[in-house]
């Protein structure tokens, strides 16, 4: 017995007419008859009775129909679910992102859910290093990391960001200050443990201007750094993308050095066949949401193409 024979039986049981049932099933009448005979042979009992008054279910046929209908309906539901999953219209996606894409990623998730509402998305706030570890061990499907990424990952450039100085509103630091102007100033720094790539980037830019920053406090979050700057503890170097923050009492000073710029890209495991991942990436590729909207992410971070 196979599902085609079961479908033929249910259709014939509902029509009680071989000709109509065969047309609905897109079969010839002899082919339908053969399927029913095979099914009856497997059961060891006739399912239909035919006489000059027409076709009707046998007693066994009535009982068999009661069990066949829910099985056939369940199979059809399973098939439909499988097709939607294969198209990426259902399923799950585990996404991680950091402060560079704090504005961009939520917009992408909204767009994804609007188009495919049955997709389940989980979100985690992780540094680039933590995201790469999560991709390698399978805990996340997609991350937004500082490029270049390890060679075992596939990437797509998404936004550019740059370093910016932050000072308190009461600081005498001039508006167009450079990192070289800050060699004698105390710094609040994002910790190397929380964001090693960003931390090293800040140190390299200071080294370019001949000094190592005097770090008086390391923190794990941008908001904590901004609060300490506002309180007057020192300066901070943060992504310019955080300039959208509604923190009163601080000033942002974009750094014009070409070395201050970096690219953040989507990263995923090579060969990942998750259809939902493919749907999500469609929003990032040329013609997708980021490019068609020409979205500027996080204030100073601009959307890029490939």
Protein backbone atom coordinates (compact mmCIF):
# COMPACT_ATOMS: atom_id res chain seq x y z
CA UNK A 1 0.00 0.00 0.00
CA UNK A 2 1.26 3.51 -0.77
CA UNK A 3 -0.14 7.00 -0.34
CA UNK A 4 -1.34 7.16 -3.95
CA UNK A 5 -3.53 4.10 -3.44
CA UNK A 6 -4.86 5.56 -0.20
CA UNK A 7 -5.68 8.85 -1.96
CA UNK A 8 -7.41 6.97 -4.77
CA UNK A 9 -9.49 5.04 -2.25
CA UNK A 10 -10.61 8.18 -0.37
CA UNK A 11 -11.45 10.00 -3.61
CA UNK A 12 -13.48 7.05 -4.91
CA UNK A 13 -15.18 6.66 -1.52
CA UNK A 14 -16.29 10.29 -1.71
CA UNK A 15 -17.38 10.19 -5.36
CA UNK A 16 -18.72 6.61 -5.52
CA UNK A 17 -18.15 6.83 -9.25
CA UNK A 18 -15.05 5.44 -10.97
CA UNK A 19 -15.19 7.85 -13.90
CA UNK A 20 -15.45 11.02 -11.78
CA UNK A 21 -12.84 9.80 -9.31
CA UNK A 22 -10.40 8.94 -12.12
CA UNK A 23 -10.76 12.43 -13.61
CA UNK A 24 -10.16 14.10 -10.24
CA UNK A 25 -7.06 11.97 -9.75
CA UNK A 26 -5.86 12.55 -13.31
CA UNK A 27 -5.85 8.78 -13.88
CA UNK A 28 -7.41 6.51 -16.44
CA UNK A 29 -10.30 4.46 -15.11
CA UNK A 30 -8.39 1.16 -15.60
CA UNK A 31 -5.43 2.59 -13.63
CA UNK A 32 -7.74 3.59 -10.78
CA UNK A 33 -9.35 0.14 -10.81
CA UNK A 34 -5.90 -1.48 -10.55
CA UNK A 35 -4.97 0.69 -7.56
CA UNK A 36 -8.16 -0.20 -5.73
CA UNK A 37 -7.67 -3.90 -6.48
CA UNK A 38 -4.10 -3.77 -5.10
CA UNK A 39 -5.37 -2.08 -1.96
CA UNK A 40 -8.13 -4.65 -1.51
CA UNK A 41 -5.61 -7.44 -2.04
CA UNK A 42 -3.37 -5.99 0.65
CA UNK A 43 -6.31 -5.78 3.06
CA UNK A 44 -7.77 -9.14 2.12
CA UNK A 45 -11.26 -7.73 1.72
CA UNK A 46 -13.28 -5.75 -0.86
CA UNK A 47 -13.70 -2.07 -0.11
CA UNK A 48 -16.46 -1.40 -2.65
CA UNK A 49 -19.51 -3.19 -3.91
CA UNK A 50 -20.67 -2.65 -7.48
CA UNK A 51 -24.00 -3.62 -8.99
CA UNK A 52 -26.56 -2.20 -11.39
CA UNK A 53 -27.37 0.51 -8.85
CA UNK A 54 -23.75 1.82 -8.87
CA UNK A 55 -20.77 1.77 -6.54
CA UNK A 56 -20.97 1.83 -2.76
CA UNK A 57 -18.65 1.22 0.16
CA UNK A 58 -18.56 -2.20 1.76
CA UNK A 59 -18.73 -2.55 5.54
CA UNK A 60 -14.92 -2.82 5.62
CA UNK A 61 -14.72 0.15 3.27
CA UNK A 62 -16.72 2.33 5.69
CA UNK A 63 -14.42 1.39 8.58
CA UNK A 64 -11.26 1.82 6.49
CA UNK A 65 -12.40 5.27 5.32
CA UNK A 66 -12.63 6.49 8.93
CA UNK A 67 -8.93 5.78 9.43
CA UNK A 68 -7.78 6.73 5.94
CA UNK A 69 -9.06 10.30 5.95
CA UNK A 70 -7.00 11.60 8.93
CA UNK A 71 -3.89 9.78 7.65
CA UNK A 72 -4.26 11.36 4.22
CA UNK A 73 -4.95 14.80 5.73
CA UNK A 74 -1.89 14.46 7.96
CA UNK A 75 0.26 13.47 5.00
CA UNK A 76 -0.97 16.48 3.01
CA UNK A 77 -0.20 18.79 5.95
CA UNK A 78 3.26 17.28 6.29
CA UNK A 79 3.90 17.69 2.57
CA UNK A 80 2.74 21.31 2.63
CA UNK A 81 4.90 22.04 5.66
CA UNK A 82 7.89 20.41 4.01
CA UNK A 83 7.43 22.46 0.85
CA UNK A 84 7.19 25.71 2.85
CA UNK A 85 10.28 24.77 4.83
CA UNK A 86 12.20 24.00 1.63
CA UNK A 87 11.27 27.46 0.34
CA UNK A 88 12.38 29.13 3.58
CA UNK A 89 8.83 30.23 4.41
CA UNK A 90 8.98 28.37 7.74
CA UNK A 91 11.86 27.31 9.91
CA UNK A 92 14.26 29.02 12.27
CA UNK A 93 17.30 31.27 12.15
CA UNK A 94 19.72 32.07 14.97
CA UNK A 95 21.21 35.54 14.41
CA UNK A 96 23.87 37.39 16.39
CA UNK A 97 24.95 41.01 16.07
CA UNK A 98 26.89 43.68 17.90
CA UNK A 99 26.65 47.41 18.47
CA UNK A 100 27.65 48.19 14.86
CA UNK A 101 24.37 46.79 13.54
CA UNK A 102 22.16 47.61 16.52
CA UNK A 103 19.75 49.57 14.30
CA UNK A 104 20.13 47.62 11.07
CA UNK A 105 19.40 44.08 12.27
CA UNK A 106 16.03 44.79 13.94
CA UNK A 107 14.82 46.42 10.70
CA UNK A 108 15.89 43.32 8.78
CA UNK A 109 14.08 41.04 11.21
CA UNK A 110 10.87 43.07 10.85
CA UNK A 111 11.17 42.84 7.05
CA UNK A 112 11.76 39.10 7.23
CA UNK A 113 8.76 38.52 9.51
CA UNK A 114 6.50 40.70 7.36
CA UNK A 115 7.27 38.59 4.29
CA UNK A 116 7.49 35.20 6.01
CA UNK A 117 5.58 35.42 9.31
CA UNK A 118 6.01 31.73 10.17
CA UNK A 119 9.80 32.03 10.38
CA UNK A 120 11.19 31.93 13.92
CA UNK A 121 14.21 34.14 14.63
CA UNK A 122 16.33 34.22 17.77
CA UNK A 123 18.69 37.14 18.42
CA UNK A 124 21.85 37.41 20.50
CA UNK A 125 24.04 40.42 21.25
CA UNK A 126 27.65 39.22 20.82
CA UNK A 127 31.02 40.67 19.89
CA UNK A 128 32.59 39.72 16.56
CA UNK A 129 34.87 37.22 18.30
CA UNK A 130 31.95 35.63 20.13
CA UNK A 131 29.95 35.48 16.90
CA UNK A 132 32.76 33.71 15.04
CA UNK A 133 32.98 31.19 17.87
CA UNK A 134 29.19 30.73 17.72
CA UNK A 135 29.30 30.16 13.96
CA UNK A 136 32.10 27.63 14.31
CA UNK A 137 30.31 25.60 16.99
CA UNK A 138 26.87 25.82 15.34
CA UNK A 139 25.18 27.92 18.02
CA UNK A 140 24.26 30.66 15.54
CA UNK A 141 23.48 30.58 11.81
CA UNK A 142 24.39 34.16 10.90
CA UNK A 143 26.47 36.91 12.43
CA UNK A 144 27.49 40.47 11.65
CA UNK A 145 31.22 40.62 12.20
CA UNK A 146 34.21 42.84 11.57
CA UNK A 147 35.80 41.91 8.23
CA UNK A 148 37.89 40.13 7.18
CA UNK A 149 36.49 36.99 8.81
CA UNK A 150 38.14 33.55 9.05
CA UNK A 151 38.40 31.72 5.73
CA UNK A 152 36.01 28.95 6.81
CA UNK A 153 33.17 31.49 6.79
CA UNK A 154 31.36 33.01 3.85
CA UNK A 155 30.79 36.75 4.11
CA UNK A 156 28.87 39.59 2.55
CA UNK A 157 29.88 43.23 3.24
CA UNK A 158 26.95 45.12 4.73
CA UNK A 159 27.97 48.42 6.33
CA UNK A 160 31.01 50.61 6.92
CA UNK A 161 31.67 52.19 10.28
CA UNK A 162 34.43 54.40 11.66
CA UNK A 163 35.91 55.28 15.00
CA UNK A 164 34.75 58.43 16.76
CA UNK A 165 35.89 60.25 19.87
CA UNK A 166 33.37 60.98 22.60
CA UNK A 167 33.83 63.75 25.13
CA UNK A 168 31.62 65.23 27.80
CA UNK A 169 29.71 68.39 26.96
CA UNK A 170 31.95 70.23 29.47
CA UNK A 171 35.21 69.04 27.91
CA UNK A 172 37.47 71.74 26.38
CA UNK A 173 38.21 69.38 23.46
CA UNK A 174 37.62 71.22 20.19
CA UNK A 175 34.86 70.05 17.84
CA UNK A 176 37.22 68.85 15.10
CA UNK A 177 39.65 67.20 17.51
CA UNK A 178 41.82 64.34 16.27
CA UNK A 179 43.10 61.35 18.16
CA UNK A 180 46.51 63.06 18.29
CA UNK A 181 44.96 65.82 20.42
CA UNK A 182 44.14 63.27 23.12
CA UNK A 183 47.55 61.81 23.93
CA UNK A 184 47.49 63.22 27.45
CA UNK A 185 43.82 62.54 28.16
CA UNK A 186 42.37 59.68 30.25
CA UNK A 187 40.35 57.11 28.31
CA UNK A 188 37.38 54.89 29.03
CA UNK A 189 37.80 51.85 26.78
CA UNK A 190 35.64 48.99 25.58
CA UNK A 191 37.39 45.99 27.07
CA UNK A 192 39.52 43.65 24.99
CA UNK A 193 37.59 40.69 26.42
CA UNK A 194 34.25 42.09 25.23
CA UNK A 195 35.37 43.29 21.78
CA UNK A 196 38.98 42.34 20.98
CA UNK A 197 38.87 43.52 17.35
CA UNK A 198 37.48 46.92 18.28
CA UNK A 199 39.87 47.31 21.23
CA UNK A 200 42.91 46.56 19.07
CA UNK A 201 41.66 48.92 16.37
CA UNK A 202 41.54 51.77 18.87
CA UNK A 203 45.06 50.97 20.11
CA UNK A 204 46.44 50.84 16.57
CA UNK A 205 45.00 54.24 15.71
CA UNK A 206 46.54 55.75 18.84
CA UNK A 207 49.86 54.06 17.99
CA UNK A 208 49.74 55.66 14.53
CA UNK A 209 49.86 59.04 16.32
CA UNK A 210 52.70 57.96 18.57
CA UNK A 211 51.07 57.17 21.90
CA UNK A 212 49.35 54.46 23.93
CA UNK A 213 46.08 55.65 25.51
CA UNK A 214 46.00 56.07 29.27
CA UNK A 215 43.05 53.82 30.03
CA UNK A 216 41.53 54.57 33.43
CA UNK A 217 38.52 52.29 33.09
CA UNK A 218 37.56 49.36 30.88
CA UNK A 219 33.87 48.53 30.34
CA UNK A 220 31.88 45.91 28.50
CA UNK A 221 29.12 48.07 27.02
CA UNK A 222 29.00 51.21 24.88
CA UNK A 223 26.28 52.72 27.06
CA UNK A 224 28.47 52.35 30.15
CA UNK A 225 31.35 54.07 28.36
CA UNK A 226 29.10 56.96 27.32
CA UNK A 227 27.77 57.35 30.86
CA UNK A 228 31.29 57.52 32.30
CA UNK A 229 32.36 60.05 29.65
CA UNK A 230 29.36 62.20 30.48
CA UNK A 231 30.30 62.02 34.16
CA UNK A 232 33.73 63.38 33.29
CA UNK A 233 35.94 60.30 33.81
CA UNK A 234 37.66 60.70 30.44
CA UNK A 235 37.30 60.36 26.69
CA UNK A 236 36.19 57.27 24.79
CA UNK A 237 36.60 55.89 21.32
CA UNK A 238 33.39 54.30 20.04
CA UNK A 239 31.85 53.38 16.68
CA UNK A 240 30.47 56.47 14.95
CA UNK A 241 27.30 54.41 14.46
CA UNK A 242 26.51 54.96 18.15
CA UNK A 243 26.13 58.69 17.47
CA UNK A 244 22.39 58.06 17.17
CA UNK A 245 22.37 57.48 20.91
CA UNK A 246 20.13 59.93 22.74
CA UNK A 247 22.72 60.47 25.45
CA UNK A 248 22.57 64.05 26.67
CA UNK A 249 25.73 65.73 27.88
CA UNK A 250 28.21 64.21 25.43
CA UNK A 251 29.73 65.20 22.10
CA UNK A 252 30.86 63.01 19.20
CA UNK A 253 33.98 63.85 17.21
CA UNK A 254 34.30 61.78 13.98
CA UNK A 255 37.86 60.70 13.24
CA UNK A 256 38.89 61.38 9.65
CA UNK A 257 41.86 58.99 9.50
CA UNK A 258 41.44 56.45 6.72
CA UNK A 259 42.58 53.82 9.26
CA UNK A 260 39.54 54.66 11.40
CA UNK A 261 37.18 52.97 8.92
CA UNK A 262 36.24 49.29 8.88
CA UNK A 263 33.64 47.07 7.26
CA UNK A 264 31.05 44.91 8.99
CA UNK A 265 29.69 42.00 7.03
CA UNK A 266 27.19 39.20 7.37
CA UNK A 267 28.99 35.90 8.01
CA UNK A 268 27.74 32.32 7.84
CA UNK A 269 29.13 28.81 7.51
CA UNK A 270 30.12 27.77 4.01
CA UNK A 271 27.73 25.18 2.63
CA UNK A 272 24.92 26.01 5.08
CA UNK A 273 21.72 24.85 3.37
CA UNK A 274 19.21 26.43 5.77
CA UNK A 275 16.53 27.90 3.43
CA UNK A 276 15.68 30.62 5.98
CA UNK A 277 19.29 31.78 5.86
CA UNK A 278 18.95 32.11 2.09
CA UNK A 279 15.79 34.22 2.54
CA UNK A 280 17.54 36.48 5.04
CA UNK A 281 20.54 36.97 2.78
CA UNK A 282 18.19 38.06 -0.02
CA UNK A 283 17.45 41.16 2.07
CA UNK A 284 21.16 41.98 2.18
CA UNK A 285 22.17 41.37 -1.43
CA UNK A 286 21.88 43.95 -4.25
CA UNK A 287 18.20 44.64 -4.84
CA UNK A 288 17.37 43.53 -1.30
CA UNK A 289 16.13 45.67 1.58
CA UNK A 290 19.45 47.29 2.54
CA UNK A 291 20.30 48.36 -1.00
CA UNK A 292 16.83 49.22 -2.27
CA UNK A 293 16.18 51.43 0.75
CA UNK A 294 19.74 52.82 0.64
CA UNK A 295 19.52 52.56 4.39
CA UNK A 296 22.03 54.33 6.58
CA UNK A 297 22.54 52.11 9.59
CA UNK A 298 23.36 53.43 13.06
CA UNK A 299 23.87 57.08 12.18
CA UNK A 300 27.42 56.96 10.81
CA UNK A 301 27.49 53.43 9.42
CA UNK A 302 26.54 53.39 5.78
CA UNK A 303 25.10 50.51 3.81
CA UNK A 304 27.40 48.97 1.23
CA UNK A 305 26.91 46.73 -1.74
CA UNK A 306 28.97 43.64 -2.43
